[in-house]
C-alpha atoms as a PDB file:
ATOM      1  CA  MET A   1      -7.196  15.329 -14.367  1.00  0.00           C
ATOM      2  CA  PHE A   2      -8.499  11.756 -14.657  1.00  0.00           C
ATOM      3  CA  SER A   3      -8.193  11.885 -18.456  1.00  0.00           C
ATOM      4  CA  LYS A   4      -4.535  12.974 -18.111  1.00  0.00           C
ATOM      5  CA  ILE A   5      -3.818   9.963 -15.900  1.00  0.00           C
ATOM      6  CA  ILE A   6      -5.470   7.577 -18.388  1.00  0.00           C
ATOM      7  CA  LEU A   7      -3.556   9.157 -21.275  1.00  0.00           C
ATOM      8  CA  ALA A   8      -0.241   8.870 -19.410  1.00  0.00           C
ATOM      9  CA  ALA A   9      -0.935   5.198 -18.632  1.00  0.00           C
ATOM     10  CA  LEU A  10      -1.750   4.437 -22.281  1.00  0.00           C
ATOM     11  CA  LEU A  11       1.415   6.188 -23.457  1.00  0.00           C
ATOM     12  CA  ALA A  12       3.518   4.212 -20.960  1.00  0.00           C
ATOM     13  CA  VAL A  13       2.058   0.900 -22.162  1.00  0.00           C
ATOM     14  CA  THR A  14       2.573   1.870 -25.811  1.00  0.00           C
ATOM     15  CA  ALA A  15       6.183   2.913 -25.173  1.00  0.00           C
ATOM     16  CA  SER A  16       6.939  -0.339 -23.345  1.00  0.00           C
ATOM     17  CA  TYR A  17       5.645  -2.411 -26.287  1.00  0.00           C
ATOM     18  CA  GLU A  18       7.654  -0.330 -28.766  1.00  0.00           C
ATOM     19  CA  HIS A  19      10.886  -1.003 -26.848  1.00  0.00           C
ATOM     20  CA  GLY A  20      10.240  -4.760 -26.600  1.00  0.00           C
ATOM     21  CA  HIS A  21       9.358  -4.820 -22.902  1.00  0.00           C
ATOM     22  CA  ALA A  22       6.308  -6.306 -21.284  1.00  0.00           C
ATOM     23  CA  PRO A  23       4.053  -3.602 -19.869  1.00  0.00           C
ATOM     24  CA  ALA A  24       4.217  -2.724 -16.199  1.00  0.00           C
ATOM     25  CA  TYR A  25       1.134  -3.402 -14.102  1.00  0.00           C
ATOM     26  CA  SER A  26      -0.228  -1.400 -11.201  1.00  0.00           C
ATOM     27  CA  SER A  27      -3.527  -1.529  -9.331  1.00  0.00           C
ATOM     28  CA  GLN A  28      -5.107  -0.296  -6.133  1.00  0.00           C
ATOM     29  CA  HIS A  29      -8.380  -0.694  -4.290  1.00  0.00           C
ATOM     30  CA  ILE A  30      -9.696   1.194  -1.268  1.00  0.00           C
ATOM     31  CA  SER A  31     -12.914   0.468   0.635  1.00  0.00           C
ATOM     32  CA  ARG A  32     -13.901   2.831   3.431  1.00  0.00           C
ATOM     33  CA  HIS A  33     -16.514   1.816   5.952  1.00  0.00           C
ATOM     34  CA  ASP A  34     -16.405   4.788   8.313  1.00  0.00           C
ATOM     35  CA  GLY A  35     -19.234   5.018  10.790  1.00  0.00           C
ATOM     36  CA  PRO A  36     -21.217   8.145  11.597  1.00  0.00           C
ATOM     37  CA  ALA A  37     -19.379  11.100  13.117  1.00  0.00           C
ATOM     38  CA  GLU A  38     -19.192  11.018  16.894  1.00  0.00           C
ATOM     39  CA  VAL A  39     -18.609  13.867  19.332  1.00  0.00           C
ATOM     40  CA  VAL A  40     -15.160  13.754  20.930  1.00  0.00           C
ATOM     41  CA  HIS A  41     -14.201  16.112  23.738  1.00  0.00           C
ATOM     42  CA  VAL A  42     -10.707  17.496  23.231  1.00  0.00           C
ATOM     43  CA  LYS A  43      -8.863  19.397  25.918  1.00  0.00           C
ATOM     44  CA  GLY A  44      -7.589  22.592  24.403  1.00  0.00           C
ATOM     45  CA  TYR A  45      -8.142  26.319  24.623  1.00  0.00           C
ATOM     46  CA  ASP A  46     -11.274  27.583  22.862  1.00  0.00           C
ATOM     47  CA  HIS A  47     -10.674  31.264  22.053  1.00  0.00           C
ATOM     48  CA  GLY A  48     -14.359  31.847  21.265  1.00  0.00           C
ATOM     49  CA  LYS A  49     -15.570  30.636  24.662  1.00  0.00           C
ATOM     50  CA  GLY A  50     -12.527  31.619  26.685  1.00  0.00           C
ATOM     51  CA  HIS A  51     -12.000  28.191  28.290  1.00  0.00           C
ATOM     52  CA  TYR A  52     -10.321  24.841  27.660  1.00  0.00           C
ATOM     53  CA  ASP A  53     -13.198  22.493  26.767  1.00  0.00           C
ATOM     54  CA  THR A  54     -13.696  22.041  23.031  1.00  0.00           C
ATOM     55  CA  VAL A  55     -15.641  19.583  20.937  1.00  0.00           C
ATOM     56  CA  ASP A  56     -14.359  17.821  17.836  1.00  0.00           C
ATOM     57  CA  TYR A  57     -15.943  15.234  15.561  1.00  0.00           C
ATOM     58  CA  HIS A  58     -14.459  12.035  14.261  1.00  0.00           C
ATOM     59  CA  ALA A  59     -15.821   8.979  12.523  1.00  0.00           C
ATOM     60  CA  TYR A  60     -15.121   5.404  13.532  1.00  0.00           C
ATOM     61  CA  PRO A  61     -12.083   4.337  11.451  1.00  0.00           C
ATOM     62  CA  LYS A  62     -12.778   1.282   9.308  1.00  0.00           C
ATOM     63  CA  TYR A  63     -11.198   0.583   5.925  1.00  0.00           C
ATOM     64  CA  ALA A  64      -9.474  -1.954   3.687  1.00  0.00           C
ATOM     65  CA  PHE A  65      -7.008  -1.246   0.907  1.00  0.00           C
ATOM     66  CA  ASP A  66      -4.580  -3.056  -1.313  1.00  0.00           C
ATOM     67  CA  TYR A  67      -2.205  -2.247  -4.127  1.00  0.00           C
ATOM     68  CA  LYS A  68       0.111  -4.103  -6.449  1.00  0.00           C
ATOM     69  CA  VAL A  69       2.943  -3.078  -8.754  1.00  0.00           C
ATOM     70  CA  GLU A  70       4.637  -5.397 -11.269  1.00  0.00           C
ATOM     71  CA  ASP A  71       7.309  -3.955 -13.529  1.00  0.00           C
ATOM     72  CA  HIS A  72       9.539  -6.810 -14.623  1.00  0.00           C
ATOM     73  CA  HIS A  73      11.736  -4.500 -16.700  1.00  0.00           C
ATOM     74  CA  THR A  74      12.872  -2.515 -13.635  1.00  0.00           C
ATOM     75  CA  GLY A  75      12.331  -5.323 -11.132  1.00  0.00           C
ATOM     76  CA  ASP A  76       9.876  -3.237  -9.118  1.00  0.00           C
ATOM     77  CA  ILE A  77       7.492  -5.912  -7.810  1.00  0.00           C
ATOM     78  CA  LYS A  78       5.550  -5.276  -4.599  1.00  0.00           C
ATOM     79  CA  SER A  79       2.122  -5.536  -3.020  1.00  0.00           C
ATOM     80  CA  GLN A  80       0.311  -4.618   0.178  1.00  0.00           C
ATOM     81  CA  HIS A  81      -3.052  -5.369   1.789  1.00  0.00           C
ATOM     82  CA  GLU A  82      -4.263  -3.713   5.011  1.00  0.00           C
ATOM     83  CA  VAL A  83      -7.489  -3.602   7.013  1.00  0.00           C
ATOM     84  CA  ARG A  84      -8.418  -1.429   9.977  1.00  0.00           C
ATOM     85  CA  ASP A  85     -11.360  -1.744  12.329  1.00  0.00           C
ATOM     86  CA  GLY A  86     -11.219   0.855  15.089  1.00  0.00           C
ATOM     87  CA  ASP A  87      -7.861   0.625  16.857  1.00  0.00           C
ATOM     88  CA  VAL A  88      -6.918  -2.731  15.274  1.00  0.00           C
ATOM     89  CA  VAL A  89      -4.779  -2.729  12.112  1.00  0.00           C
ATOM     90  CA  LYS A  90      -3.700  -5.899  10.262  1.00  0.00           C
ATOM     91  CA  GLY A  91      -1.830  -6.259   7.021  1.00  0.00           C
ATOM     92  CA  VAL A  92       0.779  -7.885   4.848  1.00  0.00           C
ATOM     93  CA  TYR A  93       3.215  -6.506   2.318  1.00  0.00           C
ATOM     94  CA  ALA A  94       5.673  -8.217   0.022  1.00  0.00           C
ATOM     95  CA  LEU A  95       8.460  -7.023  -2.227  1.00  0.00           C
ATOM     96  CA  HIS A  96      11.137  -8.488  -4.453  1.00  0.00           C
ATOM     97  CA  GLN A  97      14.571  -7.332  -3.361  1.00  0.00           C
ATOM     98  CA  PRO A  98      17.480  -6.609  -5.720  1.00  0.00           C
ATOM     99  CA  ASP A  99      19.229  -9.888  -4.780  1.00  0.00           C
ATOM    100  CA  GLY A 100      16.252 -11.908  -6.080  1.00  0.00           C
ATOM    101  CA  SER A 101      14.779 -12.778  -2.692  1.00  0.00           C
ATOM    102  CA  GLU A 102      11.260 -11.888  -1.632  1.00  0.00           C
ATOM    103  CA  ARG A 103      10.488 -10.218   1.701  1.00  0.00           C
ATOM    104  CA  VAL A 104       7.023 -10.806   3.170  1.00  0.00           C
ATOM    105  CA  VAL A 105       5.916  -8.906   6.287  1.00  0.00           C
ATOM    106  CA  HIS A 106       2.742  -9.764   8.195  1.00  0.00           C
ATOM    107  CA  TYR A 107       1.915  -7.086  10.750  1.00  0.00           C
ATOM    108  CA  HIS A 108      -0.759  -6.142  13.250  1.00  0.00           C
ATOM    109  CA  GLY A 109      -1.219  -3.504  15.872  1.00  0.00           C
ATOM    110  CA  ASP A 110      -3.671  -2.289  18.469  1.00  0.00           C
ATOM    111  CA  LYS A 111      -3.687   0.037  21.466  1.00  0.00           C
ATOM    112  CA  HIS A 112      -3.248  -2.828  23.954  1.00  0.00           C
ATOM    113  CA  THR A 113      -0.316  -4.781  22.475  1.00  0.00           C
ATOM    114  CA  GLY A 114       1.324  -2.219  20.188  1.00  0.00           C
ATOM    115  CA  PHE A 115       2.792  -2.966  16.772  1.00  0.00           C
ATOM    116  CA  HIS A 116       4.156  -6.399  15.825  1.00  0.00           C
ATOM    117  CA  ALA A 117       5.704  -7.559  12.546  1.00  0.00           C
ATOM    118  CA  ASP A 118       6.723 -11.021  11.347  1.00  0.00           C
ATOM    119  CA  VAL A 119       9.311 -10.753   8.556  1.00  0.00           C
ATOM    120  CA  LYS A 120      10.117 -13.729   6.322  1.00  0.00           C
ATOM    121  CA  TYR A 121      12.474 -14.044   3.385  1.00  0.00           C
ATOM    122  CA  GLY A 122      12.144 -16.402   0.439  1.00  0.00           C
ATOM    123  CA  THR A 123      14.561 -17.062  -2.384  1.00  0.00           C
ATOM    124  CA  HIS A 124      13.578 -17.148  -6.031  1.00  0.00           C
ATOM    125  CA  HIS A 125      15.836 -19.164  -8.278  1.00  0.00           C
ATOM    126  CA  VAL A 126      16.950 -17.083 -11.210  1.00  0.00           C
ATOM    127  CA  VAL A 127      17.534 -19.024 -14.442  1.00  0.00           C
ATOM    128  CA  PRO A 128      19.918 -17.211 -16.783  1.00  0.00           C
ATOM    129  CA  LYS A 129      18.771 -16.621 -20.344  1.00  0.00           C
ATOM    130  CA  GLN A 130      20.335 -18.791 -23.018  1.00  0.00           C
ATOM    131  CA  HIS A 131      22.239 -16.884 -25.735  1.00  0.00           C
ATOM    132  CA  ASP A 132      23.583 -18.725 -28.795  1.00  0.00           C
ATOM    133  CA  GLY A 133      23.472 -22.102 -27.081  1.00  0.00           C
ATOM    134  CA  HIS A 134      25.459 -20.924 -24.023  1.00  0.00           C
ATOM    135  CA  TYR A 135      24.330 -19.905 -20.562  1.00  0.00           C
END
């Protein structure tokens, strides 16, 4: 499966060069830092024991991930970075919108304050290409 993904990526890059386009770029990174599994008591019916106390296991949630996509031919340009430590999640994502502006969202959330997002917009000045001495 991994070799098929690598082959598909190489073919996409080759095709983009053949058609005169810069290659698209994509990356991702994930780091998990889960702790050891802990016993969690879940209220639910246990058919084997005939009563409502059951035991489940879950690990302490801790991770960081990011990804980035840059395809200037299609205009698909975006990125995200997020970290989680227990019940606290923090992150930022950005994307270029069709009108040329960039949207950047910083967010955080936890069980005490809920989810909050700060959205900002920025404008990129687009310079038209010069053709035959005219704009």
